[in-house]
Amino acid sequence: DDGFYARRIKKLGKPVLLVINKADNDTRAQAAYEFDRLGFSEKLVISAEHSIGLADLTEVIEAHIPDIPVDQQITEDQTRPTDEVNIAIVGKPNTGKSTLLNTLVGDDRSIVSEIAGTTRDPVDSLIEFKGKRVRLVDTAGIRKKKRVAEDIEYYSVNRAIKVIESCDVAILLIDITDGFTDQDKKIASLIVDRRRGLVIGVNKWDKHPEDVSWADYEAYLRKELQVAPYAVITKLSGMKKKDADQIMSLALRVAAVRETKLETHALTELLHGATKRYSVTAGKTTFKVFYVVQTDIKPPTFLLFCNHPDTIAMHYRRYLEHRRREVYDFRGTPIEMRYKKRREEKR
């Protein structure tokens, strides 16, 4: 009984691809929908005897096999408990990073001073926040390398960059009294390049000019943040517990979004609809997406099997990503969309 085996397989907690064989004509292919009752999200209809759908089956299986070198060492991120969220607090010197950390932790783990660059080494703090285990890392202020004069400052910058590489979400603090500077943009670029979640906190908002509203300032930041359009932006005063808790809640929400897993059928239907709404030519034909699979999380990564992947213009790639973000809430995290030519069936 199919139901018996389906129930046993589900208890294993492993990814399952339901393959429905002997669909060698339209009537049998339509009848395959009765197997939806088994409750599996990924489904392929094939005919092994007539080589129908075998290329699709091969592609889907390959998409779920990670390309990991045999000699790859275990990374620091893999040694952390799976239920632990790593959040880095980054920014220029003297933007209030240590103050925010101390407010969240409840004691003075970092030295707080009006002198820029007081914190030199990353400081780890493990806390429980709303039932979540969170590792907070306060870093030394990131300066431009070419302006770093002392060796100790040079190594502080490099450690801060490594903290970004190992975190799940980065909270980038900017100082409202300084505005959004070129250095802030470069730090945001570091986070984007490493495909990390991003929450931007406009600190010391209680000192903002009276003639500047939050709506106007947020719009200004969005315009300046072309490199990270997905970023979550909020205002705060790092010394206020309520504000600190709010930005932490946003960071944890982004961390959860980065682990989003979507069904193959829903993904494929979404992209089919997007290409019908706005179509472009690819080679000598219309660009087509045959099906889509999610291959990874943190960040969510999708593989689109299509007819002409090498001819897709960048504006159309952005359009397809925008449609994905319109339907699914991916605020705060990048998503990756990769394109691959569909393998031809062998007859």
C-alpha atoms as a PDB file:
ATOM      1  CA  ASP A   1       0.000   0.000   0.000  1.00  0.00           C
ATOM      2  CA  ASP A   2       1.472   3.355  -1.092  1.00  0.00           C
ATOM      3  CA  GLY A   3       0.065   5.115   1.971  1.00  0.00           C
ATOM      4  CA  PHE A   4       1.825   2.681   4.322  1.00  0.00           C
ATOM      5  CA  TYR A   5       5.237   3.299   2.747  1.00  0.00           C
ATOM      6  CA  ALA A   6       4.626   7.056   2.535  1.00  0.00           C
ATOM      7  CA  ARG A   7       3.960   7.221   6.277  1.00  0.00           C
ATOM      8  CA  ARG A   8       7.080   5.199   7.059  1.00  0.00           C
ATOM      9  CA  ILE A   9       9.263   7.365   4.832  1.00  0.00           C
ATOM     10  CA  LYS A  10       7.972  10.624   6.342  1.00  0.00           C
ATOM     11  CA  LYS A  11       9.068   9.468   9.792  1.00  0.00           C
ATOM     12  CA  LEU A  12      12.678   9.415   8.573  1.00  0.00           C
ATOM     13  CA  GLY A  13      12.673  13.200   8.239  1.00  0.00           C
ATOM     14  CA  LYS A  14      14.589  13.101   4.950  1.00  0.00           C
ATOM     15  CA  PRO A  15      13.902  14.981   1.693  1.00  0.00           C
ATOM     16  CA  VAL A  16      11.606  12.901  -0.536  1.00  0.00           C
ATOM     17  CA  LEU A  17      11.056  13.055  -4.285  1.00  0.00           C
ATOM     18  CA  LEU A  18       7.897  11.234  -5.377  1.00  0.00           C
ATOM     19  CA  VAL A  19       8.468   9.635  -8.809  1.00  0.00           C
ATOM     20  CA  ILE A  20       5.371   8.391 -10.637  1.00  0.00           C
ATOM     21  CA  ASN A  21       6.294   5.884 -13.332  1.00  0.00           C
ATOM     22  CA  LYS A  22       4.544   4.426 -16.397  1.00  0.00           C
ATOM     23  CA  ALA A  23       2.988   7.765 -17.389  1.00  0.00           C
ATOM     24  CA  ASP A  24       3.446   7.022 -21.085  1.00  0.00           C
ATOM     25  CA  ASN A  25       0.304   8.812 -22.301  1.00  0.00           C
ATOM     26  CA  ASP A  26      -1.725  11.912 -21.420  1.00  0.00           C
ATOM     27  CA  THR A  27      -4.422   9.977 -19.570  1.00  0.00           C
ATOM     28  CA  ARG A  28      -1.935   8.342 -17.239  1.00  0.00           C
ATOM     29  CA  ALA A  29      -0.063  11.610 -16.756  1.00  0.00           C
ATOM     30  CA  GLN A  30      -3.279  13.337 -15.647  1.00  0.00           C
ATOM     31  CA  ALA A  31      -4.104  10.446 -13.315  1.00  0.00           C
ATOM     32  CA  ALA A  32      -0.799  11.050 -11.521  1.00  0.00           C
ATOM     33  CA  TYR A  33      -2.428  13.849  -9.542  1.00  0.00           C
ATOM     34  CA  GLU A  34      -4.226  11.255  -7.411  1.00  0.00           C
ATOM     35  CA  PHE A  35      -0.876  10.648  -5.702  1.00  0.00           C
ATOM     36  CA  ASP A  36      -1.040  14.151  -4.182  1.00  0.00           C
ATOM     37  CA  ARG A  37      -2.911  12.446  -1.335  1.00  0.00           C
ATOM     38  CA  LEU A  38       0.419  10.998  -0.173  1.00  0.00           C
ATOM     39  CA  GLY A  39       1.476  14.495   0.909  1.00  0.00           C
ATOM     40  CA  PHE A  40       4.867  14.872  -0.770  1.00  0.00           C
ATOM     41  CA  SER A  41       5.776  18.345  -2.007  1.00  0.00           C
ATOM     42  CA  GLU A  42       8.179  17.284  -4.784  1.00  0.00           C
ATOM     43  CA  LYS A  43       6.782  15.134  -7.583  1.00  0.00           C
ATOM     44  CA  LEU A  44       7.917  14.050 -11.035  1.00  0.00           C
ATOM     45  CA  VAL A  45       5.968  12.071 -13.622  1.00  0.00           C
ATOM     46  CA  ILE A  46       8.044   9.774 -15.846  1.00  0.00           C
ATOM     47  CA  SER A  47       7.975   6.742 -18.119  1.00  0.00           C
ATOM     48  CA  ALA A  48      11.149   4.739 -17.649  1.00  0.00           C
ATOM     49  CA  GLU A  49      10.313   2.418 -20.544  1.00  0.00           C
ATOM     50  CA  HIS A  50       9.854   5.268 -23.027  1.00  0.00           C
ATOM     51  CA  SER A  51      12.543   7.571 -21.546  1.00  0.00           C
ATOM     52  CA  ILE A  52      10.026  10.305 -20.720  1.00  0.00           C
ATOM     53  CA  GLY A  53      11.039  12.623 -17.900  1.00  0.00           C
ATOM     54  CA  LEU A  54      14.290  10.818 -17.111  1.00  0.00           C
ATOM     55  CA  ALA A  55      16.404  13.858 -17.902  1.00  0.00           C
ATOM     56  CA  ASP A  56      14.283  15.919 -15.490  1.00  0.00           C
ATOM     57  CA  LEU A  57      14.669  13.223 -12.836  1.00  0.00           C
ATOM     58  CA  THR A  58      18.443  13.202 -13.265  1.00  0.00           C
ATOM     59  CA  GLU A  59      18.615  17.001 -13.055  1.00  0.00           C
ATOM     60  CA  VAL A  60      16.552  17.153  -9.871  1.00  0.00           C
ATOM     61  CA  ILE A  61      18.641  14.450  -8.185  1.00  0.00           C
ATOM     62  CA  GLU A  62      21.882  16.185  -9.179  1.00  0.00           C
ATOM     63  CA  ALA A  63      20.547  19.537  -7.945  1.00  0.00           C
ATOM     64  CA  HIS A  64      20.121  18.088  -4.464  1.00  0.00           C
ATOM     65  CA  ILE A  65      23.636  16.645  -4.279  1.00  0.00           C
ATOM     66  CA  PRO A  66      26.001  19.262  -2.777  1.00  0.00           C
ATOM     67  CA  ASP A  67      29.243  19.866  -4.640  1.00  0.00           C
ATOM     68  CA  ILE A  68      31.610  19.468  -1.663  1.00  0.00           C
ATOM     69  CA  PRO A  69      35.278  18.575  -2.162  1.00  0.00           C
ATOM     70  CA  VAL A  70      36.286  15.343  -0.404  1.00  0.00           C
ATOM     71  CA  ASP A  71      39.103  17.026   1.484  1.00  0.00           C
ATOM     72  CA  GLN A  72      37.026  19.992   2.651  1.00  0.00           C
ATOM     73  CA  GLN A  73      37.591  20.668   6.346  1.00  0.00           C
ATOM     74  CA  ILE A  74      34.804  21.304   8.830  1.00  0.00           C
ATOM     75  CA  THR A  75      34.238  25.048   9.137  1.00  0.00           C
ATOM     76  CA  GLU A  76      33.756  26.994  12.359  1.00  0.00           C
ATOM     77  CA  ASP A  77      30.130  27.573  11.367  1.00  0.00           C
ATOM     78  CA  GLN A  78      29.529  23.797  11.189  1.00  0.00           C
ATOM     79  CA  THR A  79      30.855  23.285  14.721  1.00  0.00           C
ATOM     80  CA  ARG A  80      28.269  25.611  16.263  1.00  0.00           C
ATOM     81  CA  PRO A  81      25.074  24.109  17.678  1.00  0.00           C
ATOM     82  CA  THR A  82      22.410  23.955  14.976  1.00  0.00           C
ATOM     83  CA  ASP A  83      19.950  25.906  17.126  1.00  0.00           C
ATOM     84  CA  GLU A  84      22.384  28.782  17.698  1.00  0.00           C
ATOM     85  CA  VAL A  85      22.042  32.016  15.708  1.00  0.00           C
ATOM     86  CA  ASN A  86      25.229  34.009  15.157  1.00  0.00           C
ATOM     87  CA  ILE A  87      24.651  37.769  14.893  1.00  0.00           C
ATOM     88  CA  ALA A  88      27.470  40.244  14.270  1.00  0.00           C
ATOM     89  CA  ILE A  89      27.189  43.905  15.252  1.00  0.00           C
ATOM     90  CA  VAL A  90      29.314  45.856  12.770  1.00  0.00           C
ATOM     91  CA  GLY A  91      29.922  49.400  11.618  1.00  0.00           C
ATOM     92  CA  LYS A  92      32.397  52.260  11.681  1.00  0.00           C
ATOM     93  CA  PRO A  93      34.120  53.123  14.944  1.00  0.00           C
ATOM     94  CA  ASN A  94      32.002  54.894  17.571  1.00  0.00           C
ATOM     95  CA  THR A  95      28.567  54.189  16.121  1.00  0.00           C
ATOM     96  CA  GLY A  96      27.322  52.608  19.357  1.00  0.00           C
ATOM     97  CA  LYS A  97      28.002  48.916  18.715  1.00  0.00           C
ATOM     98  CA  SER A  98      29.293  48.196  22.217  1.00  0.00           C
ATOM     99  CA  THR A  99      26.442  50.152  23.782  1.00  0.00           C
ATOM    100  CA  LEU A 100      23.908  48.059  21.869  1.00  0.00           C
ATOM    101  CA  LEU A 101      25.646  44.841  22.928  1.00  0.00           C
ATOM    102  CA  ASN A 102      25.700  45.908  26.571  1.00  0.00           C
ATOM    103  CA  THR A 103      22.015  46.804  26.464  1.00  0.00           C
ATOM    104  CA  LEU A 104      21.170  43.387  25.056  1.00  0.00           C
ATOM    105  CA  VAL A 105      23.436  41.441  27.396  1.00  0.00           C
ATOM    106  CA  GLY A 106      22.756  43.503  30.489  1.00  0.00           C
ATOM    107  CA  ASP A 107      26.334  44.145  31.588  1.00  0.00           C
ATOM    108  CA  ASP A 108      29.409  45.947  30.330  1.00  0.00           C
ATOM    109  CA  ARG A 109      31.037  43.248  28.201  1.00  0.00           C
ATOM    110  CA  SER A 110      32.612  45.857  25.914  1.00  0.00           C
ATOM    111  CA  ILE A 111      34.325  49.094  26.915  1.00  0.00           C
ATOM    112  CA  VAL A 112      32.121  52.036  25.997  1.00  0.00           C
ATOM    113  CA  SER A 113      33.841  55.338  25.332  1.00  0.00           C
ATOM    114  CA  GLU A 114      33.447  58.503  23.299  1.00  0.00           C
ATOM    115  CA  ILE A 115      36.856  57.744  21.814  1.00  0.00           C
ATOM    116  CA  ALA A 116      36.448  56.104  18.421  1.00  0.00           C
ATOM    117  CA  GLY A 117      37.855  52.591  18.176  1.00  0.00           C
ATOM    118  CA  THR A 118      37.841  51.637  21.866  1.00  0.00           C
ATOM    119  CA  THR A 119      36.809  48.060  21.051  1.00  0.00           C
ATOM    120  CA  ARG A 120      39.637  46.249  19.304  1.00  0.00           C
ATOM    121  CA  ASP A 121      38.840  42.543  19.529  1.00  0.00           C
ATOM    122  CA  PRO A 122      35.522  40.840  18.726  1.00  0.00           C
ATOM    123  CA  VAL A 123      33.620  40.112  21.930  1.00  0.00           C
ATOM    124  CA  ASP A 124      31.329  37.065  22.041  1.00  0.00           C
ATOM    125  CA  SER A 125      28.250  36.994  24.245  1.00  0.00           C
ATOM    126  CA  LEU A 126      25.888  34.034  24.389  1.00  0.00           C
ATOM    127  CA  ILE A 127      22.337  34.988  25.370  1.00  0.00           C
ATOM    128  CA  GLU A 128      18.817  33.558  25.353  1.00  0.00           C
ATOM    129  CA  PHE A 129      16.386  35.828  23.518  1.00  0.00           C
ATOM    130  CA  LYS A 130      12.722  34.876  23.186  1.00  0.00           C
ATOM    131  CA  GLY A 131      13.582  31.204  23.443  1.00  0.00           C
ATOM    132  CA  LYS A 132      16.434  31.420  20.937  1.00  0.00           C
ATOM    133  CA  ARG A 133      20.101  30.790  21.652  1.00  0.00           C
ATOM    134  CA  VAL A 134      21.961  33.790  20.216  1.00  0.00           C
ATOM    135  CA  ARG A 135      25.681  34.431  19.927  1.00  0.00           C
ATOM    136  CA  LEU A 136      26.337  38.171  19.672  1.00  0.00           C
ATOM    137  CA  VAL A 137      29.669  39.452  18.418  1.00  0.00           C
ATOM    138  CA  ASP A 138      30.657  43.082  18.856  1.00  0.00           C
ATOM    139  CA  THR A 139      33.512  43.944  16.496  1.00  0.00           C
ATOM    140  CA  ALA A 140      36.117  46.650  16.315  1.00  0.00           C
ATOM    141  CA  GLY A 141      35.036  49.537  14.116  1.00  0.00           C
ATOM    142  CA  ILE A 142      35.886  48.778  10.502  1.00  0.00           C
ATOM    143  CA  ARG A 143      38.168  51.380   8.949  1.00  0.00           C
ATOM    144  CA  LYS A 144      39.512  51.608   5.440  1.00  0.00           C
ATOM    145  CA  LYS A 145      42.581  49.384   5.237  1.00  0.00           C
ATOM    146  CA  LYS A 146      44.680  51.986   3.455  1.00  0.00           C
ATOM    147  CA  ARG A 147      44.160  54.358   6.366  1.00  0.00           C
ATOM    148  CA  VAL A 148      45.117  51.809   9.032  1.00  0.00           C
ATOM    149  CA  ALA A 149      48.438  52.853  10.513  1.00  0.00           C
ATOM    150  CA  GLU A 150      48.974  50.532  13.494  1.00  0.00           C
ATOM    151  CA  ASP A 151      49.333  46.755  13.185  1.00  0.00           C
ATOM    152  CA  ILE A 152      46.793  46.218  15.957  1.00  0.00           C
ATOM    153  CA  GLU A 153      44.192  48.206  13.984  1.00  0.00           C
ATOM    154  CA  TYR A 154      45.008  46.282  10.793  1.00  0.00           C
ATOM    155  CA  TYR A 155      44.328  42.958  12.487  1.00  0.00           C
ATOM    156  CA  SER A 156      41.145  44.324  14.096  1.00  0.00           C
ATOM    157  CA  VAL A 157      39.791  45.120  10.640  1.00  0.00           C
ATOM    158  CA  ASN A 158      40.607  41.647   9.359  1.00  0.00           C
ATOM    159  CA  ARG A 159      39.009  39.984  12.380  1.00  0.00           C
ATOM    160  CA  ALA A 160      35.874  42.050  11.872  1.00  0.00           C
ATOM    161  CA  ILE A 161      35.680  40.860   8.263  1.00  0.00           C
ATOM    162  CA  LYS A 162      36.050  37.247   9.428  1.00  0.00           C
ATOM    163  CA  VAL A 163      33.199  37.817  11.897  1.00  0.00           C
ATOM    164  CA  ILE A 164      30.976  38.882   8.986  1.00  0.00           C
ATOM    165  CA  GLU A 165      31.948  35.738   7.089  1.00  0.00           C
ATOM    166  CA  SER A 166      30.951  33.483   9.995  1.00  0.00           C
ATOM    167  CA  CYS A 167      27.698  35.198  11.031  1.00  0.00           C
ATOM    168  CA  ASP A 168      24.128  34.421   9.997  1.00  0.00           C
ATOM    169  CA  VAL A 169      22.956  38.036  10.140  1.00  0.00           C
ATOM    170  CA  ALA A 170      24.896  41.298  10.418  1.00  0.00           C
ATOM    171  CA  ILE A 171      23.473  44.321  12.189  1.00  0.00           C
ATOM    172  CA  LEU A 172      25.101  47.340  10.545  1.00  0.00           C
ATOM    173  CA  LEU A 173      24.896  50.331  12.852  1.00  0.00           C
ATOM    174  CA  ILE A 174      25.136  53.797  11.370  1.00  0.00           C
ATOM    175  CA  ASP A 175      25.214  57.072  13.289  1.00  0.00           C
ATOM    176  CA  ILE A 176      22.426  59.517  12.414  1.00  0.00           C
ATOM    177  CA  THR A 177      24.716  62.408  13.358  1.00  0.00           C
ATOM    178  CA  ASP A 178      27.241  61.307  10.690  1.00  0.00           C
ATOM    179  CA  GLY A 179      24.766  60.374   7.963  1.00  0.00           C
ATOM    180  CA  PHE A 180      25.230  57.443   5.603  1.00  0.00           C
ATOM    181  CA  THR A 181      28.876  57.605   4.559  1.00  0.00           C
ATOM    182  CA  ASP A 182      30.935  55.919   1.854  1.00  0.00           C
ATOM    183  CA  GLN A 183      32.480  53.719   4.536  1.00  0.00           C
ATOM    184  CA  ASP A 184      28.987  52.564   5.603  1.00  0.00           C
ATOM    185  CA  LYS A 185      28.302  51.604   1.979  1.00  0.00           C
ATOM    186  CA  LYS A 186      31.539  49.636   1.792  1.00  0.00           C
ATOM    187  CA  ILE A 187      30.714  47.717   4.957  1.00  0.00           C
ATOM    188  CA  ALA A 188      27.268  46.946   3.525  1.00  0.00           C
ATOM    189  CA  SER A 189      29.025  45.685   0.381  1.00  0.00           C
ATOM    190  CA  LEU A 190      31.198  43.360   2.496  1.00  0.00           C
ATOM    191  CA  ILE A 191      28.038  41.842   3.989  1.00  0.00           C
ATOM    192  CA  VAL A 192      26.310  41.530   0.606  1.00  0.00           C
ATOM    193  CA  ASP A 193      29.376  39.966  -1.043  1.00  0.00           C
ATOM    194  CA  ARG A 194      29.388  37.286   1.660  1.00  0.00           C
ATOM    195  CA  ARG A 195      25.661  36.633   1.158  1.00  0.00           C
ATOM    196  CA  ARG A 196      24.727  37.345   4.783  1.00  0.00           C
ATOM    197  CA  GLY A 197      21.465  38.625   6.212  1.00  0.00           C
ATOM    198  CA  LEU A 198      21.447  42.376   6.780  1.00  0.00           C
ATOM    199  CA  VAL A 199      19.658  44.643   9.246  1.00  0.00           C
ATOM    200  CA  ILE A 200      20.628  48.311   9.211  1.00  0.00           C
ATOM    201  CA  GLY A 201      20.114  50.181  12.471  1.00  0.00           C
ATOM    202  CA  VAL A 202      20.070  53.983  12.379  1.00  0.00           C
ATOM    203  CA  ASN A 203      21.453  54.623  15.849  1.00  0.00           C
ATOM    204  CA  LYS A 204      21.069  57.736  18.018  1.00  0.00           C
ATOM    205  CA  TRP A 205      17.782  58.540  16.286  1.00  0.00           C
ATOM    206  CA  ASP A 206      16.830  60.641  19.328  1.00  0.00           C
ATOM    207  CA  LYS A 207      19.411  63.155  18.048  1.00  0.00           C
ATOM    208  CA  HIS A 208      18.025  63.383  14.495  1.00  0.00           C
ATOM    209  CA  PRO A 209      17.337  66.828  12.958  1.00  0.00           C
ATOM    210  CA  GLU A 210      13.788  67.944  13.733  1.00  0.00           C
ATOM    211  CA  ASP A 211      13.043  68.696  10.086  1.00  0.00           C
ATOM    212  CA  VAL A 212      13.861  65.122   9.000  1.00  0.00           C
ATOM    213  CA  SER A 213      11.084  62.521   9.297  1.00  0.00           C
ATOM    214  CA  TRP A 214      11.770  58.801   9.531  1.00  0.00           C
ATOM    215  CA  ALA A 215       9.892  58.173   6.280  1.00  0.00           C
ATOM    216  CA  ASP A 216      12.121  60.654   4.440  1.00  0.00           C
ATOM    217  CA  TYR A 217      15.322  59.292   5.982  1.00  0.00           C
ATOM    218  CA  GLU A 218      14.405  55.694   5.198  1.00  0.00           C
ATOM    219  CA  ALA A 219      13.644  56.672   1.598  1.00  0.00           C
ATOM    220  CA  TYR A 220      17.050  58.386   1.421  1.00  0.00           C
ATOM    221  CA  LEU A 221      18.763  55.241   2.717  1.00  0.00           C
ATOM    222  CA  ARG A 222      16.928  53.032   0.222  1.00  0.00           C
ATOM    223  CA  LYS A 223      18.160  55.249  -2.589  1.00  0.00           C
ATOM    224  CA  GLU A 224      21.740  55.075  -1.299  1.00  0.00           C
ATOM    225  CA  LEU A 225      21.566  51.325  -0.652  1.00  0.00           C
ATOM    226  CA  GLN A 226      21.483  50.112  -4.240  1.00  0.00           C
ATOM    227  CA  VAL A 227      23.976  47.429  -3.278  1.00  0.00           C
ATOM    228  CA  ALA A 228      21.599  45.925  -0.687  1.00  0.00           C
ATOM    229  CA  PRO A 229      17.979  46.536  -1.684  1.00  0.00           C
ATOM    230  CA  TYR A 230      16.845  43.594   0.442  1.00  0.00           C
ATOM    231  CA  ALA A 231      18.132  45.076   3.733  1.00  0.00           C
ATOM    232  CA  VAL A 232      15.781  45.634   6.680  1.00  0.00           C
ATOM    233  CA  ILE A 233      16.086  49.191   8.035  1.00  0.00           C
ATOM    234  CA  THR A 234      15.060  50.404  11.492  1.00  0.00           C
ATOM    235  CA  LYS A 235      15.744  53.324  13.837  1.00  0.00           C
ATOM    236  CA  LEU A 236      16.879  52.989  17.420  1.00  0.00           C
ATOM    237  CA  SER A 237      18.708  54.316  20.410  1.00  0.00           C
ATOM    238  CA  GLY A 238      21.166  51.636  21.485  1.00  0.00           C
ATOM    239  CA  MET A 239      20.808  52.583  25.157  1.00  0.00           C
ATOM    240  CA  LYS A 240      17.051  51.817  25.210  1.00  0.00           C
ATOM    241  CA  LYS A 241      16.159  48.207  26.013  1.00  0.00           C
ATOM    242  CA  LYS A 242      12.964  48.377  23.955  1.00  0.00           C
ATOM    243  CA  ASP A 243      14.854  49.525  20.844  1.00  0.00           C
ATOM    244  CA  ALA A 244      17.613  46.950  21.366  1.00  0.00           C
ATOM    245  CA  ASP A 245      15.054  44.161  21.695  1.00  0.00           C
ATOM    246  CA  GLN A 246      13.286  45.333  18.536  1.00  0.00           C
ATOM    247  CA  ILE A 247      16.401  45.213  16.362  1.00  0.00           C
ATOM    248  CA  MET A 248      17.302  41.822  17.824  1.00  0.00           C
ATOM    249  CA  SER A 249      13.824  40.525  16.940  1.00  0.00           C
ATOM    250  CA  LEU A 250      14.306  41.774  13.372  1.00  0.00           C
ATOM    251  CA  ALA A 251      17.699  40.062  13.118  1.00  0.00           C
ATOM    252  CA  LEU A 252      16.254  36.754  14.345  1.00  0.00           C
ATOM    253  CA  ARG A 253      13.404  37.048  11.875  1.00  0.00           C
ATOM    254  CA  VAL A 254      15.935  37.505   9.050  1.00  0.00           C
ATOM    255  CA  ALA A 255      17.878  34.474  10.329  1.00  0.00           C
ATOM    256  CA  ALA A 256      14.668  32.412  10.111  1.00  0.00           C
ATOM    257  CA  VAL A 257      13.884  33.699   6.602  1.00  0.00           C
ATOM    258  CA  ARG A 258      17.335  32.557   5.450  1.00  0.00           C
ATOM    259  CA  GLU A 259      16.259  28.977   6.248  1.00  0.00           C
ATOM    260  CA  THR A 260      13.094  29.154   4.127  1.00  0.00           C
ATOM    261  CA  LYS A 261      12.371  25.968   2.160  1.00  0.00           C
ATOM    262  CA  LEU A 262       9.882  26.061  -0.710  1.00  0.00           C
ATOM    263  CA  GLU A 263       8.148  23.335  -2.671  1.00  0.00           C
ATOM    264  CA  THR A 264       9.263  22.583  -6.224  1.00  0.00           C
ATOM    265  CA  HIS A 265       5.717  22.706  -7.596  1.00  0.00           C
ATOM    266  CA  ALA A 266       4.973  26.126  -6.074  1.00  0.00           C
ATOM    267  CA  LEU A 267       8.302  27.521  -7.291  1.00  0.00           C
ATOM    268  CA  THR A 268       7.739  26.266 -10.806  1.00  0.00           C
ATOM    269  CA  GLU A 269       4.190  27.627 -10.979  1.00  0.00           C
ATOM    270  CA  LEU A 270       5.400  31.042  -9.793  1.00  0.00           C
ATOM    271  CA  LEU A 271       8.102  31.277 -12.455  1.00  0.00           C
ATOM    272  CA  HIS A 272       5.769  29.985 -15.164  1.00  0.00           C
ATOM    273  CA  GLY A 273       3.368  32.791 -14.290  1.00  0.00           C
ATOM    274  CA  ALA A 274       6.166  35.373 -14.247  1.00  0.00           C
ATOM    275  CA  THR A 275       7.403  34.409 -17.731  1.00  0.00           C
ATOM    276  CA  LYS A 276       3.859  34.533 -19.104  1.00  0.00           C
ATOM    277  CA  ARG A 277       3.264  37.975 -17.606  1.00  0.00           C
ATOM    278  CA  TYR A 278       6.475  39.343 -19.102  1.00  0.00           C
ATOM    279  CA  SER A 279       8.180  37.278 -21.810  1.00  0.00           C
ATOM    280  CA  VAL A 280      11.492  37.827 -23.586  1.00  0.00           C
ATOM    281  CA  THR A 281      13.230  36.110 -26.456  1.00  0.00           C
ATOM    282  CA  ALA A 282      16.096  33.727 -25.827  1.00  0.00           C
ATOM    283  CA  GLY A 283      18.031  32.760 -28.904  1.00  0.00           C
ATOM    284  CA  LYS A 284      15.399  32.357 -31.632  1.00  0.00           C
ATOM    285  CA  THR A 285      12.587  31.350 -29.281  1.00  0.00           C
ATOM    286  CA  THR A 286      10.753  32.644 -26.229  1.00  0.00           C
ATOM    287  CA  PHE A 287      12.587  32.157 -22.956  1.00  0.00           C
ATOM    288  CA  LYS A 288      11.067  29.285 -20.986  1.00  0.00           C
ATOM    289  CA  VAL A 289      11.478  27.983 -17.451  1.00  0.00           C
ATOM    290  CA  PHE A 290      10.656  24.258 -17.311  1.00  0.00           C
ATOM    291  CA  TYR A 291      10.922  23.752 -13.575  1.00  0.00           C
ATOM    292  CA  VAL A 292      12.639  25.137 -10.478  1.00  0.00           C
ATOM    293  CA  VAL A 293      14.198  23.408  -7.476  1.00  0.00           C
ATOM    294  CA  GLN A 294      15.565  24.853  -4.262  1.00  0.00           C
ATOM    295  CA  THR A 295      19.098  23.571  -3.760  1.00  0.00           C
ATOM    296  CA  ASP A 296      20.206  25.298  -0.576  1.00  0.00           C
ATOM    297  CA  ILE A 297      19.393  27.622   2.320  1.00  0.00           C
ATOM    298  CA  LYS A 298      21.345  30.371   4.109  1.00  0.00           C
ATOM    299  CA  PRO A 299      20.846  32.032   1.697  1.00  0.00           C
ATOM    300  CA  PRO A 300      17.889  30.469  -0.143  1.00  0.00           C
ATOM    301  CA  THR A 301      19.246  29.231  -3.473  1.00  0.00           C
ATOM    302  CA  PHE A 302      17.184  28.191  -6.492  1.00  0.00           C
ATOM    303  CA  LEU A 303      18.121  26.399  -9.695  1.00  0.00           C
ATOM    304  CA  LEU A 304      16.020  27.227 -12.760  1.00  0.00           C
ATOM    305  CA  PHE A 305      16.076  24.733 -15.614  1.00  0.00           C
ATOM    306  CA  CYS A 306      15.389  26.667 -18.808  1.00  0.00           C
ATOM    307  CA  ASN A 307      15.969  26.628 -22.551  1.00  0.00           C
ATOM    308  CA  HIS A 308      18.642  29.333 -23.017  1.00  0.00           C
ATOM    309  CA  PRO A 309      20.348  30.293 -19.714  1.00  0.00           C
ATOM    310  CA  ASP A 310      23.250  32.135 -21.355  1.00  0.00           C
ATOM    311  CA  THR A 311      21.058  34.653 -23.168  1.00  0.00           C
ATOM    312  CA  ILE A 312      19.036  35.995 -20.220  1.00  0.00           C
ATOM    313  CA  ALA A 313      19.591  39.731 -19.792  1.00  0.00           C
ATOM    314  CA  MET A 314      20.384  41.048 -16.307  1.00  0.00           C
ATOM    315  CA  HIS A 315      17.208  43.145 -16.191  1.00  0.00           C
ATOM    316  CA  TYR A 316      15.133  39.999 -16.754  1.00  0.00           C
ATOM    317  CA  ARG A 317      17.008  38.145 -14.020  1.00  0.00           C
ATOM    318  CA  ARG A 318      16.181  41.038 -11.683  1.00  0.00           C
ATOM    319  CA  TYR A 319      12.543  40.864 -12.763  1.00  0.00           C
ATOM    320  CA  LEU A 320      12.305  37.160 -11.912  1.00  0.00           C
ATOM    321  CA  GLU A 321      13.934  37.752  -8.507  1.00  0.00           C
ATOM    322  CA  HIS A 322      11.536  40.631  -7.849  1.00  0.00           C
ATOM    323  CA  ARG A 323       8.567  38.385  -8.602  1.00  0.00           C
ATOM    324  CA  ARG A 324       9.962  35.814  -6.169  1.00  0.00           C
ATOM    325  CA  ARG A 325      10.256  38.477  -3.477  1.00  0.00           C
ATOM    326  CA  GLU A 326       6.743  39.766  -4.164  1.00  0.00           C
ATOM    327  CA  VAL A 327       5.229  36.370  -3.427  1.00  0.00           C
ATOM    328  CA  TYR A 328       7.578  35.150  -0.686  1.00  0.00           C
ATOM    329  CA  ASP A 329       8.837  37.379   2.110  1.00  0.00           C
ATOM    330  CA  PHE A 330      12.628  37.385   1.782  1.00  0.00           C
ATOM    331  CA  ARG A 331      13.238  40.716   3.505  1.00  0.00           C
ATOM    332  CA  GLY A 332      16.703  40.938   5.011  1.00  0.00           C
ATOM    333  CA  THR A 333      18.355  38.135   3.048  1.00  0.00           C
ATOM    334  CA  PRO A 334      19.815  37.781  -0.422  1.00  0.00           C
ATOM    335  CA  ILE A 335      18.494  34.987  -2.586  1.00  0.00           C
ATOM    336  CA  GLU A 336      20.440  33.250  -5.316  1.00  0.00           C
ATOM    337  CA  MET A 337      18.877  32.248  -8.621  1.00  0.00           C
ATOM    338  CA  ARG A 338      21.003  30.094 -10.876  1.00  0.00           C
ATOM    339  CA  TYR A 339      20.148  29.069 -14.413  1.00  0.00           C
ATOM    340  CA  LYS A 340      20.886  25.800 -16.190  1.00  0.00           C
ATOM    341  CA  LYS A 341      19.985  24.443 -19.581  1.00  0.00           C
ATOM    342  CA  ARG A 342      17.515  21.585 -19.421  1.00  0.00           C
ATOM    343  CA  ARG A 343      19.015  18.298 -20.444  1.00  0.00           C
ATOM    344  CA  GLU A 344      17.581  16.871 -23.671  1.00  0.00           C
ATOM    345  CA  GLU A 345      15.710  13.586 -23.506  1.00  0.00           C
ATOM    346  CA  LYS A 346      17.475  10.636 -25.163  1.00  0.00           C
ATOM    347  CA  ARG A 347      15.195   8.588 -27.349  1.00  0.00           C
END
